[in-house]
Protein backbone atom coordinates (compact mmCIF):
# COMPACT_ATOMS: atom_id res chain seq x y z
CA UNK A 1 -24.74 -28.71 -32.28
CA UNK A 2 -22.11 -28.11 -35.22
CA UNK A 3 -18.75 -27.53 -34.18
CA UNK A 4 -19.46 -23.46 -35.27
CA UNK A 5 -22.37 -23.66 -32.19
CA UNK A 6 -19.94 -25.40 -30.11
CA UNK A 7 -16.95 -22.78 -30.48
CA UNK A 8 -19.52 -19.79 -30.28
CA UNK A 9 -20.81 -20.91 -26.77
CA UNK A 10 -17.35 -22.77 -25.55
CA UNK A 11 -14.89 -19.90 -26.45
CA UNK A 12 -16.62 -16.85 -24.90
CA UNK A 13 -17.23 -19.00 -21.59
CA UNK A 14 -13.52 -19.42 -21.60
CA UNK A 15 -12.47 -16.13 -22.12
CA UNK A 16 -14.74 -14.94 -19.34
CA UNK A 17 -13.48 -17.12 -16.65
CA UNK A 18 -9.73 -16.51 -17.77
CA UNK A 19 -11.01 -12.59 -17.58
CA UNK A 20 -12.39 -13.22 -13.98
CA UNK A 21 -9.03 -15.04 -13.03
CA UNK A 22 -7.23 -12.19 -14.14
CA UNK A 23 -9.23 -9.56 -12.54
CA UNK A 24 -9.12 -11.45 -8.95
CA UNK A 25 -5.17 -11.41 -9.46
CA UNK A 26 -4.69 -7.79 -9.84
CA UNK A 27 -7.96 -6.61 -7.33
CA UNK A 28 -5.69 -8.22 -4.37
CA UNK A 29 -2.29 -8.01 -5.48
CA UNK A 30 0.18 -5.89 -4.27
CA UNK A 31 1.15 -2.79 -7.07
CA UNK A 32 4.55 -0.37 -6.42
CA UNK A 33 3.59 3.06 -6.32
CA UNK A 34 5.83 4.79 -9.36
CA UNK A 35 5.27 8.49 -8.03
CA UNK A 36 5.78 8.89 -4.05
CA UNK A 37 5.86 12.83 -4.28
CA UNK A 38 2.27 12.35 -5.59
CA UNK A 39 0.53 14.78 -3.05
CA UNK A 40 -2.36 12.13 -2.10
CA UNK A 41 -0.15 9.18 -1.24
CA UNK A 42 2.32 12.35 1.02
CA UNK A 43 -1.23 13.01 2.65
CA UNK A 44 -1.37 9.51 3.29
CA UNK A 45 2.02 9.32 4.59
CA UNK A 46 1.34 12.79 6.57
CA UNK A 47 -1.94 11.34 8.18
CA UNK A 48 0.17 8.05 9.49
CA UNK A 49 2.86 10.38 11.04
CA UNK A 50 0.38 12.82 12.49
CA UNK A 51 -1.83 9.82 14.17
CA UNK A 52 1.07 8.02 15.56
CA UNK A 53 2.42 11.11 16.97
CA UNK A 54 -0.96 11.95 18.53
CA UNK A 55 -1.52 7.99 19.68
CA UNK A 56 2.11 7.97 21.05
CA UNK A 57 2.28 11.59 22.33
CA UNK A 58 5.03 12.31 19.97
CA UNK A 59 6.56 15.24 18.21
CA UNK A 60 7.06 13.72 14.67
CA UNK A 61 7.57 15.18 11.03
CA UNK A 62 7.49 13.85 7.81
CA UNK A 63 10.56 14.05 6.37
CA UNK A 64 9.89 11.96 2.93
CA UNK A 65 8.26 9.12 1.40
CA UNK A 66 10.89 6.49 0.31
CA UNK A 67 8.94 3.87 -1.20
CA UNK A 68 5.36 2.35 -1.38
CA UNK A 69 2.80 0.13 -2.79
CA UNK A 70 -1.02 -0.25 -2.85
CA UNK A 71 -3.42 -2.79 -2.63
CA UNK A 72 -7.18 -2.15 -4.01
CA UNK A 73 -9.58 -4.32 -1.91
CA UNK A 74 -13.13 -2.80 -0.40
CA UNK A 75 -10.60 -0.07 0.09
CA UNK A 76 -6.86 1.06 -1.09
CA UNK A 77 -4.23 -0.36 1.46
CA UNK A 78 -1.14 1.71 1.44
CA UNK A 79 2.30 0.35 2.48
CA UNK A 80 4.95 2.75 2.55
CA UNK A 81 8.47 3.23 3.85
CA UNK A 82 8.77 6.65 5.26
CA UNK A 83 11.96 8.94 7.04
CA UNK A 84 10.56 10.39 10.03
CA UNK A 85 12.01 12.95 12.61
CA UNK A 86 11.20 13.15 15.72
CA UNK A 87 11.55 16.51 17.85
CA UNK A 88 15.36 16.69 18.96
CA UNK A 89 16.35 13.46 17.01
CA UNK A 90 17.82 12.28 13.93
CA UNK A 91 15.28 10.84 11.53
CA UNK A 92 14.22 7.28 11.49
CA UNK A 93 12.91 4.96 8.70
CA UNK A 94 9.49 3.56 9.67
CA UNK A 95 6.76 1.06 7.43
CA UNK A 96 3.67 2.26 7.71
CA UNK A 97 0.41 0.60 6.86
CA UNK A 98 -2.80 2.89 6.38
CA UNK A 99 -6.17 1.66 4.62
CA UNK A 100 -8.14 4.01 3.12
CA UNK A 101 -12.12 3.25 2.61
CA UNK A 102 -15.15 5.72 2.08
CA UNK A 103 -12.35 8.56 1.94
CA UNK A 104 -11.59 7.97 5.62
CA UNK A 105 -8.21 6.65 6.39
CA UNK A 106 -7.05 4.31 9.35
CA UNK A 107 -3.67 3.60 10.35
CA UNK A 108 -2.87 -0.09 10.75
CA UNK A 109 0.46 -0.17 11.76
CA UNK A 110 3.42 2.13 12.43
CA UNK A 111 6.98 -0.19 12.68
CA UNK A 112 10.57 1.27 12.87
CA UNK A 113 12.70 -0.23 10.29
CA UNK A 114 15.65 -2.00 11.79
CA UNK A 115 18.65 -3.26 10.01
CA UNK A 116 20.66 -5.84 11.28
CA UNK A 117 24.73 -5.20 11.28
CA UNK A 118 26.86 -7.08 9.32
CA UNK A 119 29.01 -8.16 12.61
CA UNK A 120 25.38 -9.77 14.36
CA UNK A 121 25.64 -12.69 11.64
């Protein structure tokens, strides 16, 4: 096989290998949500708040989606920071994780954001 034949076989194989590495990284990495006011992002956030309220017997109301990111795998995982109001109390920040697979949502975590004060260092 001459030089040109070698390059005709080798270069496409090299490109295919590099492309598969890039696709693998993109498929598993976290990507920021650019528009947290997107109706579907708000729907995911509202699901998280409603589901947590139902499970814990709390009356919660979504105030706003502060920020978020997604990760694509077999479905889409949303990691969102939310401001949530509990009936009769001030708003608090929470980090939630929701997995959406086959048009169904599953709440994986709902944790209050705790900010350490400067004096505790």
